Amino acid sequence: MKKRLLAGTAGAAICLALAQQPVHAATLDDVLARLDALERNNAKLAKENAQLRDRVNHISSRAPEPAAAAVPPKGNPVQHAAVAPSPAPAPEHAVVSIGGAPLYTKAPGTNAFVDNTTVTLYGHVDLSGDVFNAGVFDQGTKFGVASNLTYFGVRARHNLEPYGFPGWAAVAQFESLVEVAATPTERAALGTRDSFMGLETPWGTIKAGKADTPYKKSTAKFDPFSATLGDYNSIMGNTGGDLRAEFDWRAAHAVWYESPIWNGLQATLMVSPGQNTAKDNSDFALGDFNCPGTSARGSGSGFPLTSAPEGCTDGSYGNLYSASLTYNQGPWTAIAAYEMHEGTNRTSDEAVTPLSNGGVLIVPPGSVGIANEWAAKVGGGYRINDGIGALQLYGIYEVMRRENTVADFNERSRDGYFVSATQTVGPWDVSASWAHANASPGSPGTGVFNTYTVTPAAGSADFALNTLDSSADQYAAGIKYHFSPFATWYLVGSYLRNGPGAHYCLGVSGHGYGVCGRDANNNVVSGNKASAVTTGMTFDF
């Protein structure tokens, strides 16, 4: 029956062909051969469609794996990511993937730019509602809504093994801050977060672009309250006690190397050239429109200038060098890290400031000046299965120094400590932390009394900070509930005790805004006691 049908069809095709294009007539055998080939191709296409349908159904029906009880507390994936090479890719030849599983695949050998390339879309959303009090005479208790390190990214990995390079791959990533709650500015431009191009090899990975420094990444997962108003960068990595954590940084125009992980041990090295035309690093870095060592529109950034005629003199530096050695094996974690900022310009601290009591604070030229600033830290962690769940413990000791600076005006040299504990009980995490800043040798700054009933004029100064204790303590406690491995709810309370000469802030380096000891005219109100309660949700995809 099949052959009779084919013969009839072929006869009709021949008649039509002879009638319309006699010069291209085909024999009956030719037509039958073509019809057989078409039938085989249709069968192959049907089989591939069935396989693709099964794969999509498998992705959509696959239940997420429950979080293991012994896993350390899950936090912000960028802030809390261990230092490691590029994430494991989806299966080869994937064009688009969801959760690491391929949604559509392409067989190799047809397009060298698509074959063996995995492209992953990913993101993190963190939105909170906050109640806070800066402990300043004219501020009172406030309520806020914040978007905290929310980001969206695209990651690509091109496997080079099929082209004769086993163990090699080209990698790229573009990641941007997303202002979910605040009005967007250039802070949320494309590529504002870790963005790079690199090459993976059997001997490690080398990348170029911008990224969190190895120093920052080495202990990021130690903080259970990252990006909340209990974030440990209120004190850790923060030399001046303000909104900028100098040693919790994302370095621009950088090159770095990530070694392979050997028995849990990994080394990471980074260099970021200053590329500054000014010998004292007081200009924008070439290619940038922001003072080095500052965030867009942040303290010392030079915004809104498009050049730096007044100079970048509030922490702008030249070359940056950062390195870390991390160990993660079983229940143990250990780190050692170091970072240097070469030729940090702080000449804006040198000034003559009249005080309200008739005195004068004189910071002479050259007493602060331009000098290297560096930090070093060691830390460790241990996870205990205590019968209730997992108890994760972490600790850090940090040393920060500014060289060749007169002690009375040196607020950048001090030691600091941090400890945290997280107990998991089923889907719940219960956490607490403490951070402490030792007093610095001195300070070039001034403050106003916290007893005014009318806000003093901008630029007011009642006393010199270098005559007072600048130590500080931050305490935080909170709970987190994991709806799934990808969605959580959290509640965090934080309290910051500034010594009489200290002016540290809550929410530094991650939260949507900081809570600082400043009055309505931006005068420094040192010695304030700030407190906050924040609750929110996170969602990873």
Protein backbone atom coordinates (compact mmCIF):
# COMPACT_ATOMS: atom_id res chain seq x y z
CA MET A 1 0.00 0.00 0.00
CA LYS A 2 2.83 2.34 0.94
CA LYS A 3 4.67 1.69 -2.35
CA ARG A 4 1.51 2.16 -4.41
CA LEU A 5 0.90 5.47 -2.63
CA LEU A 6 4.47 6.57 -3.19
CA ALA A 7 4.31 5.52 -6.83
CA GLY A 8 1.12 7.46 -7.38
CA THR A 9 2.59 10.51 -5.70
CA ALA A 10 5.77 10.20 -7.71
CA GLY A 11 3.79 9.90 -10.96
CA ALA A 12 1.89 13.07 -10.17
CA ALA A 13 5.12 14.86 -9.33
CA ILE A 14 6.70 13.75 -12.62
CA CYS A 15 3.70 14.93 -14.67
CA LEU A 16 3.76 18.31 -12.94
CA ALA A 17 7.49 18.68 -13.39
CA LEU A 18 7.31 17.74 -17.09
CA ALA A 19 4.45 20.12 -17.68
CA GLN A 20 6.03 23.17 -16.00
CA GLN A 21 9.82 22.68 -16.33
CA PRO A 22 10.60 20.09 -18.95
CA VAL A 23 14.32 20.91 -18.89
CA HIS A 24 14.55 19.81 -15.24
CA ALA A 25 12.54 16.57 -15.42
CA ALA A 26 13.53 13.85 -12.96
CA THR A 27 13.32 10.12 -13.21
CA LEU A 28 10.94 8.10 -11.03
CA ASP A 29 13.94 6.71 -9.08
CA ASP A 30 15.19 10.23 -8.33
CA VAL A 31 11.82 11.32 -6.93
CA LEU A 32 11.45 8.15 -4.84
CA ALA A 33 14.94 8.68 -3.40
CA ARG A 34 14.11 12.25 -2.43
CA LEU A 35 10.85 11.21 -0.79
CA ASP A 36 12.65 8.52 1.22
CA ALA A 37 15.21 11.09 2.41
CA LEU A 38 12.43 13.50 3.40
CA GLU A 39 10.69 10.75 5.38
CA ARG A 40 13.90 9.94 7.25
CA ASN A 41 14.51 13.62 8.08
CA ASN A 42 10.95 13.96 9.40
CA ALA A 43 11.45 10.93 11.64
CA LYS A 44 14.71 12.37 12.99
CA LEU A 45 13.06 15.74 13.64
CA ALA A 46 10.19 14.08 15.49
CA LYS A 47 12.67 12.20 17.68
CA GLU A 48 14.61 15.39 18.51
CA ASN A 49 11.38 17.22 19.34
CA ALA A 50 10.37 14.40 21.69
CA GLN A 51 13.76 14.54 23.44
CA LEU A 52 13.56 18.31 23.81
CA ARG A 53 10.00 18.06 25.20
CA ASP A 54 11.13 15.46 27.76
CA ARG A 55 14.02 17.70 28.82
CA VAL A 56 11.83 20.79 29.30
CA ASN A 57 9.27 18.72 31.25
CA HIS A 58 12.09 17.41 33.42
CA ILE A 59 13.30 20.95 34.19
CA SER A 60 9.83 22.23 35.05
CA SER A 61 8.94 19.26 37.24
CA ARG A 62 12.24 18.91 39.08
CA ALA A 63 11.85 19.71 42.79
CA PRO A 64 14.61 21.80 44.40
CA GLU A 65 16.99 19.87 46.60
CA PRO A 66 16.53 20.58 50.30
CA ALA A 67 19.31 22.49 51.99
CA ALA A 68 21.66 20.20 53.88
CA ALA A 69 21.74 20.84 57.61
CA ALA A 70 25.53 21.06 57.64
CA VAL A 71 25.77 23.80 55.01
CA PRO A 72 26.96 27.19 56.32
CA PRO A 73 24.28 29.89 56.58
CA LYS A 74 23.17 31.15 53.19
CA GLY A 75 23.61 34.88 52.66
CA ASN A 76 23.97 37.31 49.85
CA PRO A 77 25.59 35.23 47.08
CA VAL A 78 28.05 37.86 45.98
CA GLN A 79 28.98 39.17 49.40
CA HIS A 80 29.12 35.68 50.84
CA ALA A 81 30.66 33.79 47.93
CA ALA A 82 33.85 31.90 48.63
CA VAL A 83 36.81 32.77 46.42
CA ALA A 84 36.71 30.29 43.56
CA PRO A 85 37.02 30.08 39.78
CA SER A 86 34.00 30.70 37.58
CA PRO A 87 30.89 28.76 38.67
CA ALA A 88 30.41 25.30 37.23
CA PRO A 89 28.74 25.64 33.84
CA ALA A 90 25.61 23.96 32.55
CA PRO A 91 26.13 20.94 30.27
CA GLU A 92 28.13 21.72 27.15
CA HIS A 93 26.55 23.19 24.02
CA ALA A 94 23.85 24.93 26.09
CA VAL A 95 22.71 28.20 24.59
CA VAL A 96 20.33 29.26 27.41
CA SER A 97 20.09 27.59 30.80
CA ILE A 98 17.75 27.80 33.79
CA GLY A 99 19.26 26.95 37.16
CA GLY A 100 22.24 25.42 35.36
CA ALA A 101 20.10 23.06 33.25
CA PRO A 102 19.95 23.58 29.48
CA LEU A 103 16.70 24.88 28.06
CA TYR A 104 17.82 24.62 24.45
CA THR A 105 20.87 22.83 23.11
CA LYS A 106 22.66 22.95 19.80
CA ALA A 107 24.75 20.12 18.39
CA PRO A 108 28.46 20.99 17.91
CA GLY A 109 30.10 21.63 14.60
CA THR A 110 27.81 24.18 12.95
CA ASN A 111 28.53 27.55 14.60
CA ALA A 112 31.81 28.02 16.44
CA PHE A 113 30.48 31.10 18.26
CA VAL A 114 27.48 29.26 19.74
CA ASP A 115 28.59 25.63 20.03
CA ASN A 116 30.08 24.74 23.44
CA THR A 117 28.97 28.08 24.93
CA THR A 118 26.82 28.36 28.06
CA VAL A 119 24.99 31.63 28.73
CA THR A 120 23.37 32.04 32.14
CA LEU A 121 21.07 34.81 33.31
CA TYR A 122 21.09 35.26 37.09
CA GLY A 123 20.13 37.75 39.76
CA HIS A 124 19.58 38.55 43.41
CA VAL A 125 16.82 40.69 44.92
CA ASP A 126 16.98 42.02 48.50
CA LEU A 127 14.37 44.52 49.65
CA SER A 128 13.83 45.60 53.25
CA GLY A 129 11.81 47.87 55.49
CA ASP A 130 13.83 49.57 58.23
CA VAL A 131 13.16 51.43 61.46
CA PHE A 132 16.25 53.27 62.68
CA ASN A 133 17.50 56.00 64.98
CA ALA A 134 20.91 57.59 64.41
CA GLY A 135 21.11 58.80 67.99
CA VAL A 136 21.52 62.42 66.82
CA PHE A 137 19.71 65.35 68.46
CA ASP A 138 17.77 66.51 65.37
CA GLN A 139 17.11 63.19 63.61
CA GLY A 140 14.80 61.02 65.72
CA THR A 141 13.34 57.67 64.64
CA LYS A 142 12.76 57.16 60.92
CA PHE A 143 11.29 54.52 58.62
CA GLY A 144 12.82 53.56 55.29
CA VAL A 145 12.54 51.11 52.41
CA ALA A 146 15.83 49.95 50.89
CA SER A 147 17.10 47.90 47.98
CA ASN A 148 20.22 46.14 49.24
CA LEU A 149 22.82 44.90 46.75
CA THR A 150 20.11 43.83 44.32
CA TYR A 151 21.73 42.91 41.01
CA PHE A 152 21.22 41.28 37.62
CA GLY A 153 23.89 39.57 35.55
CA VAL A 154 24.77 37.65 32.42
CA ARG A 155 27.53 35.04 32.54
CA ALA A 156 29.02 33.18 29.56
CA ARG A 157 31.47 30.30 29.32
CA HIS A 158 32.88 28.98 26.04
CA ASN A 159 34.47 25.53 26.35
CA LEU A 160 37.67 25.27 24.29
CA GLU A 161 38.24 21.54 24.76
CA PRO A 162 36.58 20.57 21.42
CA TYR A 163 39.02 22.93 19.68
CA GLY A 164 42.12 21.21 21.03
CA PHE A 165 42.51 22.92 24.44
CA PRO A 166 41.41 20.44 27.15
CA GLY A 167 40.66 22.16 30.46
CA TRP A 168 40.49 25.61 28.85
CA ALA A 169 37.52 27.98 28.54
CA ALA A 170 36.85 31.62 27.71
CA VAL A 171 34.62 33.32 30.31
CA ALA A 172 32.84 36.67 30.53
CA GLN A 173 30.41 38.34 32.90
CA PHE A 174 28.41 41.58 33.01
CA GLU A 175 26.77 42.39 36.36
CA SER A 176 24.87 45.51 37.39
CA LEU A 177 23.32 46.98 40.49
CA VAL A 178 19.53 47.28 40.24
CA GLU A 179 17.81 50.05 42.19
CA VAL A 180 14.52 48.36 43.09
CA ALA A 181 13.52 50.92 45.72
CA ALA A 182 15.60 54.06 45.05
CA THR A 183 15.52 56.27 41.96
CA PRO A 184 18.23 54.90 39.62
CA THR A 185 21.40 56.89 38.93
CA GLU A 186 24.68 55.99 37.22
CA ARG A 187 25.35 53.80 40.28
CA ALA A 188 23.07 51.26 38.59
CA ALA A 189 24.60 51.51 35.11
CA LEU A 190 25.43 48.36 33.13
CA GLY A 191 28.61 46.78 34.47
CA THR A 192 28.67 48.58 37.82
CA ARG A 193 29.36 45.32 39.68
CA ASP A 194 31.75 42.42 39.00
CA SER A 195 32.25 42.42 35.22
CA PHE A 196 35.14 40.84 33.38
CA MET A 197 36.57 38.68 30.62
CA GLY A 198 38.92 35.82 31.37
CA LEU A 199 40.54 32.55 30.48
CA GLU A 200 40.25 29.35 32.51
CA THR A 201 43.17 26.93 32.24
CA PRO A 202 44.27 23.77 34.07
CA TRP A 203 46.66 26.00 36.05
CA GLY A 204 44.10 28.54 37.20
CA THR A 205 42.02 31.43 35.85
CA ILE A 206 43.13 34.91 34.83
CA LYS A 207 40.57 37.70 34.46
CA ALA A 208 40.51 41.41 33.67
CA GLY A 209 37.84 44.00 34.38
CA LYS A 210 36.42 44.96 37.76
CA ALA A 211 35.68 42.77 40.79
CA ASP A 212 35.60 42.58 44.55
CA THR A 213 39.17 42.37 45.79
CA PRO A 214 40.54 39.08 47.15
CA TYR A 215 40.83 40.82 50.53
CA LYS A 216 37.10 41.57 50.54
CA LYS A 217 36.00 38.16 49.28
CA SER A 218 38.11 36.20 51.73
CA THR A 219 35.80 36.83 54.72
CA ALA A 220 32.56 37.89 53.03
CA LYS A 221 30.75 34.72 54.07
CA PHE A 222 31.73 35.31 57.73
CA ASP A 223 29.03 38.00 58.07
CA PRO A 224 25.49 36.60 58.51
CA PHE A 225 24.01 40.12 58.21
CA SER A 226 25.56 41.27 54.95
CA ALA A 227 23.70 44.15 53.23
CA THR A 228 21.48 44.76 56.28
CA LEU A 229 21.86 47.53 58.84
CA GLY A 230 23.83 44.97 60.84
CA ASP A 231 26.51 44.53 58.13
CA TYR A 232 29.99 44.03 59.63
CA ASN A 233 31.50 46.74 57.37
CA SER A 234 30.24 49.32 59.84
CA ILE A 235 33.61 48.55 61.43
CA MET A 236 35.50 45.84 59.51
CA GLY A 237 37.59 47.18 56.63
CA ASN A 238 36.55 50.73 57.58
CA THR A 239 39.52 52.94 58.45
CA GLY A 240 37.90 56.32 58.91
CA GLY A 241 34.69 55.30 60.61
CA ASP A 242 32.36 56.76 58.02
CA LEU A 243 30.27 55.60 55.04
CA ARG A 244 33.23 54.26 53.06
CA ALA A 245 34.82 50.90 53.91
CA GLU A 246 38.15 51.34 52.12
CA PHE A 247 39.16 47.70 52.50
CA ASP A 248 35.84 46.22 51.44
CA TRP A 249 36.23 47.30 47.85
CA ARG A 250 35.48 46.48 44.22
CA ALA A 251 38.57 47.38 42.20
CA ALA A 252 38.15 48.87 38.73
CA HIS A 253 40.50 48.34 35.76
CA ALA A 254 42.05 45.31 37.47
CA VAL A 255 43.76 42.05 36.51
CA TRP A 256 43.62 39.03 38.82
CA TYR A 257 44.54 35.37 39.05
CA GLU A 258 42.57 32.60 40.79
CA SER A 259 44.51 29.39 41.41
CA PRO A 260 42.97 25.93 41.18
CA ILE A 261 41.59 24.61 44.45
CA TRP A 262 43.97 22.00 45.87
CA ASN A 263 42.70 20.05 48.89
CA GLY A 264 40.56 23.04 49.87
CA LEU A 265 43.38 25.58 49.48
CA GLN A 266 43.25 28.46 46.98
CA ALA A 267 45.29 31.61 46.31
CA THR A 268 44.01 34.77 44.60
CA LEU A 269 46.13 37.74 43.48
CA MET A 270 44.94 41.10 42.07
CA VAL A 271 46.60 44.24 40.70
CA SER A 272 44.70 47.41 39.80
CA PRO A 273 46.93 50.06 38.19
CA GLY A 274 46.23 53.61 39.28
CA GLN A 275 46.53 54.94 35.69
CA ASN A 276 46.49 58.47 37.11
CA THR A 277 48.12 61.36 35.25
CA ALA A 278 48.70 63.27 38.51
CA LYS A 279 51.82 62.30 40.46
CA ASP A 280 49.91 62.75 43.73
CA ASN A 281 46.89 60.71 42.44
CA SER A 282 44.67 63.77 42.67
CA ASP A 283 43.04 63.30 39.25
CA PHE A 284 40.50 60.84 37.88
CA ALA A 285 42.03 57.57 36.69
CA LEU A 286 42.28 57.41 32.92
CA GLY A 287 38.95 56.20 31.53
CA ASP A 288 37.07 57.08 34.73
CA PHE A 289 34.99 60.08 35.79
CA ASN A 290 35.18 59.32 39.49
CA CYS A 291 37.96 59.82 42.03
CA PRO A 292 39.86 56.54 42.61
CA GLY A 293 38.89 54.63 45.74
CA THR A 294 35.37 56.06 45.82
CA SER A 295 31.97 54.87 44.64
CA ALA A 296 29.79 56.78 42.15
CA ARG A 297 28.30 59.82 43.91
CA GLY A 298 29.91 58.58 47.13
CA SER A 299 32.07 60.35 49.70
CA GLY A 300 35.15 61.85 48.03
CA SER A 301 33.98 60.87 44.53
CA GLY A 302 34.22 64.35 43.00
CA PHE A 303 30.60 64.20 41.80
CA PRO A 304 29.13 66.10 39.95
CA LEU A 305 32.33 67.32 38.31
CA THR A 306 33.34 65.87 34.94
CA SER A 307 36.98 66.54 35.74
CA ALA A 308 38.88 67.08 38.97
CA PRO A 309 40.05 70.73 39.02
CA GLU A 310 40.00 70.78 42.83
CA GLY A 311 41.76 67.44 43.01
CA CYS A 312 40.84 64.01 44.38
CA THR A 313 42.24 64.55 47.86
CA ASP A 314 39.94 62.47 50.10
CA GLY A 315 41.31 58.94 49.77
CA SER A 316 42.26 58.77 46.08
CA TYR A 317 45.12 56.31 45.56
CA GLY A 318 47.37 54.91 42.84
CA ASN A 319 48.08 51.21 42.40
CA LEU A 320 46.13 48.62 44.38
CA TYR A 321 47.55 45.21 45.32
CA SER A 322 45.39 42.55 46.97
CA ALA A 323 45.98 38.89 47.82
CA SER A 324 44.28 36.13 49.78
CA LEU A 325 44.90 32.53 50.77
CA THR A 326 41.76 30.61 51.70
CA TYR A 327 41.14 27.11 53.02
CA ASN A 328 37.73 25.42 53.01
CA GLN A 329 37.67 21.72 53.82
CA GLY A 330 35.04 19.82 55.78
CA PRO A 331 33.99 21.83 58.86
CA TRP A 332 37.11 24.05 58.74
CA THR A 333 37.64 27.48 57.18
CA ALA A 334 40.82 29.57 57.40
CA ILE A 335 41.94 32.73 55.61
CA ALA A 336 44.86 35.15 55.41
CA ALA A 337 44.60 38.32 53.30
CA TYR A 338 46.52 41.51 52.56
CA GLU A 339 45.81 44.69 50.58
CA MET A 340 47.84 47.83 49.80
CA HIS A 341 46.64 51.21 48.45
CA GLU A 342 49.67 53.04 47.12
CA GLY A 343 50.05 56.81 47.55
CA THR A 344 46.68 57.53 49.18
CA ASN A 345 46.01 61.27 48.96
CA ARG A 346 44.34 62.74 52.06
CA THR A 347 45.61 66.29 51.84
CA SER A 348 42.02 67.56 52.27
CA ASP A 349 42.43 66.63 55.95
CA GLU A 350 45.07 69.36 56.29
CA ALA A 351 43.27 72.52 57.36
CA VAL A 352 42.87 75.20 60.03
CA THR A 353 39.48 74.84 61.75
CA PRO A 354 38.21 77.37 64.36
CA LEU A 355 36.37 75.81 67.31
CA SER A 356 33.33 77.25 69.05
CA ASN A 357 35.26 77.54 72.34
CA GLY A 358 37.75 79.95 70.76
CA GLY A 359 40.40 77.35 70.11
CA VAL A 360 41.75 76.25 66.73
CA LEU A 361 42.54 72.81 65.31
CA ILE A 362 45.59 73.10 63.06
CA VAL A 363 46.49 70.14 60.82
CA PRO A 364 49.71 71.36 59.15
CA PRO A 365 50.63 70.60 55.52
CA GLY A 366 52.48 67.30 55.29
CA SER A 367 51.15 65.96 58.59
CA VAL A 368 48.66 63.70 56.77
CA GLY A 369 49.68 64.14 53.15
CA ILE A 370 50.09 61.28 50.67
CA ALA A 371 51.04 57.88 52.05
CA ASN A 372 50.51 54.15 51.61
CA GLU A 373 47.58 52.54 53.42
CA TRP A 374 47.41 48.78 53.97
CA ALA A 375 45.38 46.16 55.78
CA ALA A 376 45.95 42.55 56.77
CA LYS A 377 43.68 40.02 58.44
CA VAL A 378 43.49 36.40 59.51
CA GLY A 379 40.32 34.51 60.20
CA GLY A 380 38.85 31.10 60.77
CA GLY A 381 35.62 29.20 61.03
CA TYR A 382 34.35 25.88 62.31
CA ARG A 383 31.03 24.11 61.81
CA ILE A 384 29.63 21.89 64.56
CA ASN A 385 26.77 19.41 64.20
CA ASP A 386 25.27 19.84 67.66
CA GLY A 387 22.18 17.64 67.39
CA ILE A 388 19.88 20.63 66.87
CA GLY A 389 21.29 21.43 63.48
CA ALA A 390 24.58 23.05 62.45
CA LEU A 391 26.38 25.69 64.51
CA GLN A 392 28.69 27.84 62.35
CA LEU A 393 31.34 29.93 64.14
CA TYR A 394 33.61 32.59 62.55
CA GLY A 395 36.24 35.02 63.80
CA ILE A 396 38.52 37.72 62.30
CA TYR A 397 41.47 39.77 63.54
CA GLU A 398 42.30 42.78 61.33
CA VAL A 399 45.15 45.30 61.26
CA MET A 400 44.92 48.55 59.25
CA ARG A 401 47.71 51.09 58.96
CA ARG A 402 48.50 54.42 57.31
CA GLU A 403 52.22 55.09 56.98
CA ASN A 404 54.22 58.32 57.50
CA THR A 405 51.41 60.25 59.18
CA VAL A 406 51.65 62.35 62.35
CA ALA A 407 50.04 60.25 65.11
CA ASP A 408 47.80 63.06 66.43
CA PHE A 409 46.07 63.21 63.02
CA ASN A 410 46.18 59.54 62.05
CA GLU A 411 42.64 58.10 62.17
CA ARG A 412 43.49 55.35 59.64
CA SER A 413 45.61 53.09 61.84
CA ARG A 414 43.87 50.69 64.20
CA ASP A 415 43.07 47.05 64.91
CA GLY A 416 39.66 45.40 64.80
CA TYR A 417 37.89 42.16 65.74
CA PHE A 418 34.81 40.30 64.60
CA VAL A 419 33.01 37.14 65.72
CA SER A 420 29.74 35.60 64.54
CA ALA A 421 27.68 32.51 65.27
CA THR A 422 24.77 30.99 63.34
CA GLN A 423 22.64 28.10 64.57
CA THR A 424 20.45 26.34 61.99
CA VAL A 425 17.25 24.66 63.14
CA GLY A 426 15.42 23.17 60.19
CA PRO A 427 14.67 26.03 57.79
CA TRP A 428 15.60 28.65 60.43
CA ASP A 429 18.93 30.43 61.00
CA VAL A 430 19.50 32.21 64.32
CA SER A 431 22.57 34.49 64.21
CA ALA A 432 24.50 36.96 66.33
CA SER A 433 27.68 38.99 65.77
CA TRP A 434 30.01 41.48 67.44
CA ALA A 435 32.53 43.82 65.82
CA HIS A 436 35.00 46.03 67.70
CA ALA A 437 37.27 48.85 66.57
CA ASN A 438 40.23 49.79 68.74
CA ALA A 439 40.94 53.50 69.11
CA SER A 440 43.13 55.13 66.47
CA PRO A 441 46.17 57.26 67.44
CA GLY A 442 44.41 60.49 66.50
CA SER A 443 42.14 62.28 64.03
CA PRO A 444 42.22 65.36 61.80
CA GLY A 445 38.48 65.91 62.25
CA THR A 446 36.10 67.86 64.44
CA GLY A 447 32.64 67.27 65.88
CA VAL A 448 29.65 69.10 67.30
CA PHE A 449 27.90 68.46 70.59
CA ASN A 450 24.91 66.12 70.60
CA THR A 451 22.91 68.44 72.86
CA TYR A 452 21.70 71.16 70.47
CA THR A 453 18.02 72.06 70.25
CA VAL A 454 18.59 74.04 67.02
CA THR A 455 20.80 72.57 64.30
CA PRO A 456 24.07 74.55 64.04
CA ALA A 457 25.23 75.98 60.72
CA ALA A 458 27.04 73.73 58.24
CA GLY A 459 30.76 73.57 58.97
CA SER A 460 30.37 74.08 62.70
CA ALA A 461 33.00 72.61 65.03
CA ASP A 462 32.88 72.41 68.82
CA PHE A 463 35.86 70.16 69.60
CA ALA A 464 38.73 68.21 68.05
CA LEU A 465 38.19 64.47 67.77
CA ASN A 466 41.85 63.59 68.45
CA THR A 467 41.39 64.41 72.13
CA LEU A 468 38.76 61.67 72.62
CA ASP A 469 38.45 57.87 72.59
CA SER A 470 37.60 56.68 69.07
CA SER A 471 36.84 53.01 69.82
CA ALA A 472 33.49 51.51 68.83
CA ASP A 473 31.38 48.36 69.15
CA GLN A 474 28.64 46.99 66.95
CA TYR A 475 26.21 44.27 68.03
CA ALA A 476 23.72 42.49 65.75
CA ALA A 477 21.26 39.63 66.14
CA GLY A 478 18.66 38.19 63.83
CA ILE A 479 16.75 35.30 62.35
CA LYS A 480 16.31 34.06 58.78
CA TYR A 481 13.74 31.67 57.37
CA HIS A 482 14.47 29.72 54.17
CA PHE A 483 11.28 29.18 52.16
CA SER A 484 13.50 27.34 49.67
CA PRO A 485 17.17 27.43 48.66
CA PHE A 486 16.31 30.55 46.66
CA ALA A 487 13.91 32.63 48.80
CA THR A 488 14.32 33.84 52.41
CA TRP A 489 12.80 36.20 54.97
CA TYR A 490 14.96 37.89 57.62
CA LEU A 491 14.67 40.08 60.71
CA VAL A 492 17.78 41.83 62.08
CA GLY A 493 18.42 44.20 64.96
CA SER A 494 21.63 46.20 65.31
CA TYR A 495 23.16 48.56 67.87
CA LEU A 496 26.27 50.71 67.33
CA ARG A 497 28.12 52.29 70.25
CA ASN A 498 30.54 55.01 69.15
CA GLY A 499 33.17 56.23 71.59
CA PRO A 500 33.22 60.01 72.24
CA GLY A 501 35.57 60.58 69.31
CA ALA A 502 34.18 57.91 66.93
CA HIS A 503 31.65 58.36 64.09
CA TYR A 504 31.06 54.93 62.55
CA CYS A 505 27.82 54.29 60.62
CA LEU A 506 25.31 51.44 60.27
CA GLY A 507 24.67 49.90 56.85
CA VAL A 508 28.05 50.66 55.27
CA SER A 509 29.03 48.93 52.01
CA GLY A 510 25.87 47.09 51.07
CA HIS A 511 22.64 48.44 52.52
CA GLY A 512 20.60 50.85 50.41
CA TYR A 513 21.68 53.73 52.68
CA GLY A 514 23.75 54.30 55.80
CA VAL A 515 22.71 55.57 59.22
CA CYS A 516 25.40 57.96 60.43
CA GLY A 517 26.18 60.40 63.22
CA ARG A 518 25.41 63.51 61.14
CA ASP A 519 22.98 66.33 61.82
CA ALA A 520 20.69 67.94 59.24
CA ASN A 521 23.57 70.19 58.05
CA ASN A 522 26.01 67.26 57.74
CA ASN A 523 28.07 68.19 60.78
CA VAL A 524 29.78 65.24 62.45
CA VAL A 525 28.07 64.21 65.70
CA SER A 526 30.57 61.80 67.23
CA GLY A 527 29.83 59.50 70.13
CA ASN A 528 26.29 58.77 68.94
CA LYS A 529 24.53 55.50 69.72
CA ALA A 530 22.72 54.27 66.60
CA SER A 531 20.14 51.49 66.51
CA ALA A 532 18.05 49.82 63.82
CA VAL A 533 15.62 47.00 63.12
CA THR A 534 15.31 45.76 59.54
CA THR A 535 13.15 43.08 57.96
CA GLY A 536 13.04 41.97 54.36
CA MET A 537 13.16 39.21 51.78
CA THR A 538 15.75 37.88 49.38
CA PHE A 539 15.18 35.99 46.13
CA ASP A 540 17.88 34.40 43.98
CA PHE A 541 17.40 33.24 40.41
